[in-house]
Amino acid sequence: MLDTVNVEFPPPGRILVGVSGGPDSTALLLALDGAGREVVAAHYDHALRDGSDTAALEVADLCARLGVPLISERRDVSMPKGSLQAAARTLRYSFLERARVAAGADWVALGHTADDVVEGAVMHMLRGCGLAGLRGMPARRERYVRPLLSVWRKDVREYLDRRGVVPLEDPSNRDTRFARVRVRLQILPALERDRPGITRRFHAAAMSAARLQAEAESAPADVEVLKRLYADAGGSRPGLSRSHIEAMRALARPGRGGRGVDLPGGLRFRIVGGLMQVVPSQTRAPAMPRLEVRSCAGCDERDAVHLRDGLDLSVGFRRPGLRMRPAGGRGTRKLQDIFVDARVPREERDAWPLVFAGDRLAWVPGHAVDADFVAAGAGPSQHVSLAPMPAAPASKVARLGNSIGDLS
């Protein structure tokens, strides 16, 4: 239940709680306040629909009854370009940072639940992802904490019912035009009916992946490991300078993957997911893989996709302006953004083979397939694969979490 062991309370200090007025954030505010923590509420009105100011009034009334200070703000600038959800998130986090400073808060608490972890993992898998996409959102990242990641939405509602609190309901949470809502209302219930308990298994896997990533990010890069990586990749003598070592250690601290620093001898040190790698600075001219297409009535081969019959397929490489509509997602995305999310290193993107249907991008092997070309149902389809498939560069690597002495 929400008010016992499942809430991971933040470390000591003042907590700014993001409160939308919905069930999850309302329950989080009540739980932290009930636990005697020093809290300040923060509410951001995105002003995207009629009546959004009602939520601000409801949150203000709740805070007044609890005696909790409230910092609120209504959007008065144009929405950033791009995805509406991404733009709203950018504005919301910008507000939360301003509110944190204004409140003098040590932590910012967000009301994401176990259900959010599972929905996010399933969305990434539908788009095509590796381990990085499976991992759940972190319970803590810098000053931001998510105390309810092991609390299920049904427990939140039971908790509010016992408290006699009626939260607001956002109509967008029932709008199946959004991919997350389709996962929540259609895909996960269907999976649960067919495989009872699979939702909790998804959650356990995602949280385990998140813990591994957190451990990897918190482990300092050992100097001897870095020197060994460089030497095993053919690094020149006399070796790395102190400035190179410090740059590599700085890069191994928490941050985005796909980054790198140039080293002597035409090598480059980079972070890809949970791995440290030393690879050649200059990539070789890409070799054109062989496209293999055959008729198929349906199979589960991991390194292939099933596309509609009758497509004129070809293999190529990236060029400016490529976009696609990834299966399981909403709307179109730039190839560049797909590569960034998949943590494909910059120096490998030009050599990453792509499959086209006519002039359109149909498949980014290992990462995404265009929904317009996916075979429908269990009927005949084109079984499409590449030989050879894209592979990681030949280099020595070390996991950040096993940085002391463990090379593989």
Protein backbone atom coordinates (compact mmCIF):
# COMPACT_ATOMS: atom_id res chain seq x y z
CA MET A 1 0.00 0.00 0.00
CA LEU A 2 1.09 3.56 -0.66
CA ASP A 3 1.38 4.68 2.97
CA THR A 4 3.73 1.90 4.12
CA VAL A 5 6.95 0.39 2.82
CA ASN A 6 6.53 0.98 -0.91
CA VAL A 7 7.17 4.74 -0.79
CA GLU A 8 10.87 5.52 -1.18
CA PHE A 9 11.05 8.75 0.82
CA PRO A 10 13.70 11.29 -0.27
CA PRO A 11 16.74 12.06 1.91
CA PRO A 12 16.34 14.78 4.56
CA GLY A 13 15.64 18.29 3.33
CA ARG A 14 12.87 20.49 1.97
CA ILE A 15 10.90 18.87 -0.86
CA LEU A 16 9.20 20.62 -3.76
CA VAL A 17 6.34 18.38 -4.92
CA GLY A 18 5.08 18.70 -8.49
CA VAL A 19 1.29 18.57 -8.19
CA SER A 20 -0.94 18.46 -11.28
CA GLY A 21 -4.11 17.76 -9.30
CA GLY A 22 -4.32 14.20 -10.64
CA PRO A 23 -4.35 11.07 -8.43
CA ASP A 24 -0.63 10.28 -8.41
CA SER A 25 0.77 13.71 -7.58
CA THR A 26 -2.04 14.41 -5.11
CA ALA A 27 -1.33 11.17 -3.26
CA LEU A 28 2.40 11.94 -3.24
CA LEU A 29 1.79 15.35 -1.65
CA LEU A 30 -0.48 13.83 1.01
CA ALA A 31 1.97 11.01 1.78
CA LEU A 32 4.99 13.30 2.17
CA ASP A 33 3.06 15.83 4.21
CA GLY A 34 1.60 13.05 6.36
CA ALA A 35 5.08 11.71 7.00
CA GLY A 36 6.04 15.04 8.55
CA ARG A 37 8.33 16.13 5.73
CA GLU A 38 8.82 19.83 4.95
CA VAL A 39 7.05 20.24 1.61
CA VAL A 40 6.22 22.99 -0.87
CA ALA A 41 3.80 22.28 -3.72
CA ALA A 42 4.36 23.41 -7.30
CA HIS A 43 1.65 23.51 -9.98
CA TYR A 44 2.17 24.41 -13.65
CA ASP A 45 -0.84 25.20 -15.84
CA HIS A 46 0.09 24.36 -19.45
CA ALA A 47 -3.01 26.27 -20.65
CA LEU A 48 -3.60 23.72 -23.41
CA ARG A 49 -7.33 23.14 -22.90
CA ASP A 50 -10.38 25.00 -21.70
CA GLY A 51 -10.87 24.76 -17.97
CA SER A 52 -7.22 24.04 -17.18
CA ASP A 53 -7.35 26.84 -14.60
CA THR A 54 -9.81 24.69 -12.62
CA ALA A 55 -6.97 22.33 -11.77
CA ALA A 56 -4.93 25.26 -10.44
CA LEU A 57 -7.82 26.29 -8.18
CA GLU A 58 -8.30 22.72 -6.91
CA VAL A 59 -4.60 22.37 -6.12
CA ALA A 60 -4.61 25.74 -4.34
CA ASP A 61 -7.62 24.67 -2.25
CA LEU A 62 -5.94 21.35 -1.29
CA CYS A 63 -2.74 23.13 -0.28
CA ALA A 64 -4.67 25.66 1.79
CA ARG A 65 -6.41 22.84 3.67
CA LEU A 66 -3.09 21.10 4.30
CA GLY A 67 -1.27 24.30 5.19
CA VAL A 68 1.31 23.62 2.46
CA PRO A 69 2.90 26.57 0.60
CA LEU A 70 2.15 26.61 -3.13
CA ILE A 71 4.10 28.01 -6.09
CA SER A 72 2.02 28.12 -9.27
CA GLU A 73 2.45 29.44 -12.76
CA ARG A 74 0.41 29.55 -15.97
CA ARG A 75 2.04 29.32 -19.38
CA ASP A 76 2.27 32.70 -21.10
CA VAL A 77 4.73 31.84 -23.89
CA SER A 78 4.32 29.99 -27.18
CA MET A 79 4.71 26.22 -27.11
CA PRO A 80 8.11 25.03 -28.39
CA LYS A 81 8.10 23.35 -31.81
CA GLY A 82 7.86 19.59 -32.14
CA SER A 83 5.89 17.01 -30.19
CA LEU A 84 3.21 18.56 -27.96
CA GLN A 85 4.02 16.20 -25.10
CA ALA A 86 7.77 16.86 -25.35
CA ALA A 87 7.18 20.62 -25.49
CA ALA A 88 4.91 20.52 -22.45
CA ARG A 89 7.49 18.49 -20.57
CA THR A 90 10.23 21.01 -21.40
CA LEU A 91 8.15 23.91 -20.07
CA ARG A 92 7.10 21.96 -16.97
CA TYR A 93 10.66 21.04 -15.97
CA SER A 94 11.82 24.60 -16.59
CA PHE A 95 9.12 25.79 -14.19
CA LEU A 96 10.01 23.16 -11.60
CA GLU A 97 13.62 24.31 -11.61
CA ARG A 98 12.56 27.94 -11.09
CA ALA A 99 10.20 26.85 -8.32
CA ARG A 100 12.91 24.76 -6.65
CA VAL A 101 15.21 27.75 -6.48
CA ALA A 102 12.41 30.03 -5.25
CA ALA A 103 11.41 27.52 -2.54
CA GLY A 104 14.97 26.77 -1.49
CA ALA A 105 14.13 23.09 -1.89
CA ASP A 106 16.71 20.32 -1.68
CA TRP A 107 14.62 17.86 -3.71
CA VAL A 108 11.93 17.89 -6.38
CA ALA A 109 9.48 14.97 -6.00
CA LEU A 110 7.49 13.68 -8.98
CA GLY A 111 4.47 11.39 -8.84
CA HIS A 112 5.39 8.69 -11.36
CA THR A 113 4.17 5.23 -10.35
CA ALA A 114 4.96 1.60 -11.13
CA ASP A 115 2.43 1.75 -13.96
CA ASP A 116 4.38 4.61 -15.57
CA VAL A 117 7.56 2.49 -15.43
CA VAL A 118 5.87 -0.39 -17.25
CA GLU A 119 4.16 1.81 -19.84
CA GLY A 120 7.42 3.54 -20.67
CA ALA A 121 9.29 0.23 -21.04
CA VAL A 122 6.60 -1.23 -23.31
CA MET A 123 6.56 1.89 -25.49
CA HIS A 124 10.33 1.65 -25.96
CA MET A 125 10.10 -2.05 -26.83
CA LEU A 126 7.35 -1.39 -29.38
CA ARG A 127 9.58 1.17 -31.07
CA GLY A 128 12.53 -1.23 -30.94
CA CYS A 129 15.16 -0.81 -28.25
CA GLY A 130 18.01 -2.42 -26.40
CA LEU A 131 18.61 -2.66 -22.68
CA ALA A 132 18.82 1.14 -22.41
CA GLY A 133 15.22 1.43 -23.59
CA LEU A 134 13.97 -1.27 -21.23
CA ARG A 135 15.29 0.33 -18.07
CA GLY A 136 12.73 2.21 -16.04
CA MET A 137 12.91 5.84 -15.04
CA PRO A 138 15.41 6.38 -12.21
CA ALA A 139 14.17 6.76 -8.65
CA ARG A 140 16.65 9.58 -8.26
CA ARG A 141 18.55 11.75 -10.72
CA GLU A 142 20.43 14.69 -9.28
CA ARG A 143 17.79 16.65 -7.29
CA TYR A 144 14.77 14.91 -8.83
CA VAL A 145 13.22 11.97 -6.97
CA ARG A 146 10.32 9.63 -7.75
CA PRO A 147 9.14 8.06 -4.46
CA LEU A 148 6.22 6.08 -5.95
CA LEU A 149 7.97 3.90 -8.53
CA SER A 150 7.06 0.75 -6.60
CA VAL A 151 3.48 1.87 -5.93
CA TRP A 152 0.72 0.81 -8.35
CA ARG A 153 -1.97 3.16 -9.57
CA LYS A 154 -4.72 1.07 -7.97
CA ASP A 155 -3.00 1.49 -4.59
CA VAL A 156 -2.90 5.24 -5.14
CA ARG A 157 -6.65 5.33 -5.72
CA GLU A 158 -7.35 3.16 -2.67
CA TYR A 159 -5.21 5.50 -0.57
CA LEU A 160 -7.11 8.57 -1.80
CA ASP A 161 -10.44 6.84 -1.23
CA ARG A 162 -9.50 6.16 2.39
CA ARG A 163 -8.53 9.80 2.79
CA GLY A 164 -11.78 10.96 1.20
CA VAL A 165 -9.90 12.90 -1.47
CA VAL A 166 -11.33 13.14 -4.99
CA PRO A 167 -8.55 13.99 -7.47
CA LEU A 168 -8.96 15.59 -10.86
CA GLU A 169 -9.09 13.39 -13.95
CA ASP A 170 -7.22 14.57 -17.06
CA PRO A 171 -9.32 13.74 -20.18
CA SER A 172 -6.11 13.12 -22.16
CA ASN A 173 -5.52 10.02 -20.01
CA ARG A 174 -8.38 8.34 -21.92
CA ASP A 175 -7.45 9.66 -25.38
CA THR A 176 -6.20 6.72 -27.44
CA ARG A 177 -4.60 9.05 -29.98
CA PHE A 178 -1.65 9.02 -27.55
CA ALA A 179 0.66 5.98 -27.69
CA ARG A 180 0.98 5.80 -23.91
CA VAL A 181 -2.80 5.69 -23.51
CA ARG A 182 -3.05 2.87 -26.06
CA VAL A 183 -0.42 0.94 -24.12
CA ARG A 184 -2.29 1.57 -20.86
CA LEU A 185 -5.83 0.81 -22.01
CA GLN A 186 -5.35 -1.70 -24.83
CA ILE A 187 -1.95 -3.38 -25.07
CA LEU A 188 -1.15 -4.08 -21.41
CA PRO A 189 -4.65 -5.38 -20.54
CA ALA A 190 -4.47 -7.73 -23.54
CA LEU A 191 -1.04 -8.99 -22.50
CA GLU A 192 -2.19 -9.43 -18.91
CA ARG A 193 -5.20 -11.49 -20.03
CA ASP A 194 -2.95 -13.77 -22.06
CA ARG A 195 -0.06 -13.88 -19.56
CA PRO A 196 -1.31 -13.06 -16.05
CA GLY A 197 1.37 -11.30 -14.02
CA ILE A 198 3.33 -10.03 -17.01
CA THR A 199 2.84 -6.39 -15.97
CA ARG A 200 4.67 -7.00 -12.69
CA ARG A 201 7.39 -8.93 -14.52
CA PHE A 202 7.90 -5.97 -16.86
CA HIS A 203 8.17 -3.72 -13.81
CA ALA A 204 10.74 -5.95 -12.10
CA ALA A 205 12.88 -6.12 -15.25
CA ALA A 206 12.74 -2.36 -15.82
CA MET A 207 13.62 -1.54 -12.21
CA SER A 208 16.52 -4.02 -12.24
CA ALA A 209 17.87 -2.38 -15.40
CA ALA A 210 17.51 1.05 -13.79
CA ARG A 211 19.43 -0.08 -10.70
CA LEU A 212 22.24 -1.50 -12.83
CA GLN A 213 22.48 1.76 -14.74
CA ALA A 214 22.54 3.78 -11.52
CA GLU A 215 25.33 1.60 -10.14
CA ALA A 216 27.27 1.97 -13.36
CA GLU A 217 26.93 5.75 -13.36
CA SER A 218 28.01 6.07 -9.75
CA ALA A 219 31.16 3.97 -10.15
CA PRO A 220 34.29 6.04 -10.84
CA ALA A 221 36.35 5.07 -13.83
CA ASP A 222 39.56 3.48 -12.60
CA VAL A 223 42.72 4.97 -14.12
CA GLU A 224 44.31 1.57 -14.77
CA VAL A 225 41.19 0.37 -16.59
CA LEU A 226 41.30 3.43 -18.83
CA LYS A 227 44.97 2.90 -19.60
CA ARG A 228 44.32 -0.76 -20.38
CA LEU A 229 41.45 0.07 -22.70
CA TYR A 230 43.68 2.46 -24.60
CA ALA A 231 46.62 0.04 -24.80
CA ASP A 232 44.47 -2.92 -25.88
CA ALA A 233 42.97 -0.82 -28.67
CA GLY A 234 46.48 -0.21 -30.04
CA GLY A 235 47.17 3.10 -28.36
CA SER A 236 50.51 4.71 -29.16
CA ARG A 237 53.39 5.02 -26.70
CA PRO A 238 54.33 6.55 -24.33
CA GLY A 239 50.60 6.59 -23.64
CA LEU A 240 48.00 8.92 -22.23
CA SER A 241 48.75 12.27 -20.63
CA ARG A 242 47.21 13.36 -17.35
CA SER A 243 44.83 15.66 -19.24
CA HIS A 244 43.61 12.74 -21.38
CA ILE A 245 43.00 10.61 -18.27
CA GLU A 246 41.07 13.40 -16.56
CA ALA A 247 38.96 13.99 -19.69
CA MET A 248 38.14 10.28 -19.85
CA ARG A 249 37.23 10.14 -16.14
CA ALA A 250 35.00 13.19 -16.51
CA LEU A 251 33.26 11.59 -19.47
CA ALA A 252 32.58 8.43 -17.44
CA ARG A 253 30.52 10.37 -14.90
CA PRO A 254 26.68 10.41 -15.22
CA GLY A 255 25.38 11.96 -18.42
CA ARG A 256 24.16 11.15 -21.89
CA GLY A 257 25.70 8.33 -23.90
CA GLY A 258 27.20 8.56 -27.36
CA ARG A 259 29.80 11.08 -26.17
CA GLY A 260 33.51 10.90 -26.77
CA VAL A 261 36.96 12.46 -26.53
CA ASP A 262 39.80 12.10 -29.03
CA LEU A 263 42.99 10.35 -27.90
CA PRO A 264 46.50 10.11 -29.39
CA GLY A 265 47.08 7.56 -32.14
CA GLY A 266 43.82 8.11 -34.01
CA LEU A 267 41.64 6.65 -31.25
CA ARG A 268 38.54 7.88 -29.49
CA PHE A 269 37.20 7.14 -26.00
CA ARG A 270 33.43 7.13 -25.71
CA ILE A 271 30.50 6.13 -23.49
CA VAL A 272 27.74 4.05 -25.09
CA GLY A 273 24.98 3.06 -22.69
CA GLY A 274 26.75 1.38 -19.77
CA LEU A 275 29.98 0.74 -21.68
CA MET A 276 33.30 2.53 -21.99
CA GLN A 277 34.91 1.95 -25.38
CA VAL A 278 38.09 2.92 -27.21
CA VAL A 279 37.54 2.87 -30.99
CA PRO A 280 39.21 4.33 -34.10
CA SER A 281 38.52 8.05 -34.51
CA GLN A 282 37.81 7.73 -38.22
CA THR A 283 35.25 5.23 -39.39
CA ARG A 284 35.95 3.16 -42.49
CA ALA A 285 33.91 3.58 -45.66
CA PRO A 286 30.67 1.70 -45.02
CA ALA A 287 30.31 -1.72 -46.62
CA MET A 288 26.95 -2.32 -48.27
CA PRO A 289 25.27 -5.29 -46.54
CA ARG A 290 23.25 -7.83 -48.50
CA LEU A 291 19.48 -7.47 -48.36
CA GLU A 292 17.75 -10.81 -47.82
CA VAL A 293 14.02 -11.01 -48.57
CA ARG A 294 11.83 -14.08 -48.55
CA SER A 295 8.17 -14.94 -48.17
CA CYS A 296 7.16 -15.74 -44.60
CA ALA A 297 3.93 -16.68 -42.87
CA GLY A 298 5.23 -15.36 -39.55
CA CYS A 299 8.20 -16.09 -37.30
CA ASP A 300 10.03 -14.56 -34.36
CA GLU A 301 13.54 -14.16 -35.76
CA ARG A 302 15.12 -11.40 -33.68
CA ASP A 303 17.21 -9.74 -36.42
CA ALA A 304 14.49 -9.49 -39.04
CA VAL A 305 11.28 -7.57 -39.70
CA HIS A 306 8.11 -8.53 -41.54
CA LEU A 307 7.01 -5.99 -44.12
CA ARG A 308 4.07 -5.85 -46.52
CA ASP A 309 4.26 -7.76 -49.78
CA GLY A 310 4.95 -5.86 -52.97
CA LEU A 311 7.39 -3.27 -51.59
CA ASP A 312 10.39 -2.19 -53.67
CA LEU A 313 13.11 -2.62 -51.04
CA SER A 314 16.72 -1.46 -51.14
CA VAL A 315 19.62 -0.80 -48.74
CA GLY A 316 21.30 2.55 -48.28
CA PHE A 317 22.74 4.94 -45.72
CA ARG A 318 21.54 8.10 -44.07
CA ARG A 319 21.06 11.34 -45.93
CA PRO A 320 19.56 14.70 -44.90
CA GLY A 321 15.84 14.87 -44.17
CA LEU A 322 15.09 11.20 -43.46
CA ARG A 323 12.05 10.60 -41.27
CA MET A 324 9.77 7.69 -40.44
CA ARG A 325 6.66 6.84 -38.43
CA PRO A 326 7.94 4.23 -35.93
CA ALA A 327 5.57 1.38 -35.15
CA GLY A 328 4.18 1.75 -31.65
CA GLY A 329 4.83 5.49 -31.59
CA ARG A 330 2.83 8.58 -32.48
CA GLY A 331 3.60 10.74 -35.48
CA THR A 332 6.82 10.92 -37.46
CA ARG A 333 10.37 11.18 -36.12
CA LYS A 334 13.67 12.29 -37.58
CA LEU A 335 16.25 9.55 -38.14
CA GLN A 336 18.67 11.69 -36.15
CA ASP A 337 16.36 11.54 -33.11
CA ILE A 338 15.98 7.76 -33.45
CA PHE A 339 19.76 7.38 -33.45
CA VAL A 340 20.11 9.66 -30.42
CA ASP A 341 17.47 7.77 -28.41
CA ALA A 342 19.08 4.45 -29.35
CA ARG A 343 22.50 5.81 -28.31
CA VAL A 344 24.10 5.01 -31.65
CA PRO A 345 27.47 6.80 -31.46
CA ARG A 346 27.85 9.74 -33.82
CA GLU A 347 30.75 8.21 -35.69
CA GLU A 348 28.70 5.09 -36.55
CA ARG A 349 25.56 6.77 -37.87
CA ASP A 350 26.74 7.39 -41.43
CA ALA A 351 27.70 3.72 -41.75
CA TRP A 352 24.49 2.33 -40.22
CA PRO A 353 22.63 0.43 -42.99
CA LEU A 354 19.04 1.42 -43.63
CA VAL A 355 16.28 -0.32 -45.58
CA PHE A 356 14.14 1.80 -47.90
CA ALA A 357 10.78 1.12 -49.54
CA GLY A 358 11.05 3.17 -52.69
CA ASP A 359 12.34 6.55 -51.51
CA ARG A 360 10.98 6.18 -47.97
CA LEU A 361 12.83 4.93 -44.92
CA ALA A 362 11.23 1.63 -43.89
CA TRP A 363 13.56 0.04 -41.32
CA VAL A 364 16.40 1.17 -39.06
CA PRO A 365 17.81 -2.28 -38.20
CA GLY A 366 17.87 -2.92 -34.50
CA HIS A 367 15.90 0.20 -33.61
CA ALA A 368 12.71 1.09 -35.51
CA VAL A 369 10.41 0.06 -38.35
CA ASP A 370 7.92 2.32 -40.14
CA ALA A 371 4.33 1.54 -39.18
CA ASP A 372 3.16 2.15 -42.77
CA PHE A 373 5.16 -0.83 -44.04
CA VAL A 374 4.67 -3.38 -41.26
CA ALA A 375 2.83 -6.52 -42.37
CA ALA A 376 -0.67 -6.67 -40.92
CA GLY A 377 -2.00 -9.75 -39.14
CA ALA A 378 -0.68 -13.27 -39.52
CA GLY A 379 -0.89 -13.50 -43.33
CA PRO A 380 1.99 -13.74 -45.82
CA SER A 381 4.66 -11.08 -45.57
CA GLN A 382 8.19 -10.25 -46.66
CA HIS A 383 10.77 -11.54 -44.16
CA VAL A 384 13.51 -8.89 -44.39
CA SER A 385 17.00 -9.12 -42.92
CA LEU A 386 20.54 -7.92 -43.60
CA ALA A 387 23.72 -9.94 -43.89
CA PRO A 388 25.75 -9.02 -42.02
CA MET A 389 23.73 -7.09 -39.46
CA PRO A 390 25.26 -3.91 -37.95
CA ALA A 391 27.73 -4.88 -35.24
CA ALA A 392 29.52 -3.10 -32.44
CA PRO A 393 33.01 -1.91 -33.40
CA ALA A 394 35.91 -4.23 -32.67
CA SER A 395 37.39 -2.73 -29.52
CA LYS A 396 37.99 -3.41 -25.89
CA VAL A 397 35.13 -2.33 -23.66
CA ALA A 398 34.47 -2.07 -19.94
CA ARG A 399 31.20 -1.67 -18.13
CA LEU A 400 31.01 1.45 -16.02
CA GLY A 401 29.69 -0.57 -13.10
CA ASN A 402 32.64 -2.97 -13.28
CA SER A 403 35.29 -0.40 -14.03
CA ILE A 404 37.88 -1.84 -11.66
CA GLY A 405 39.75 -4.51 -13.56
CA ASP A 406 36.93 -6.10 -15.57
CA LEU A 407 37.45 -5.82 -19.32
CA SER A 408 35.44 -7.84 -21.80
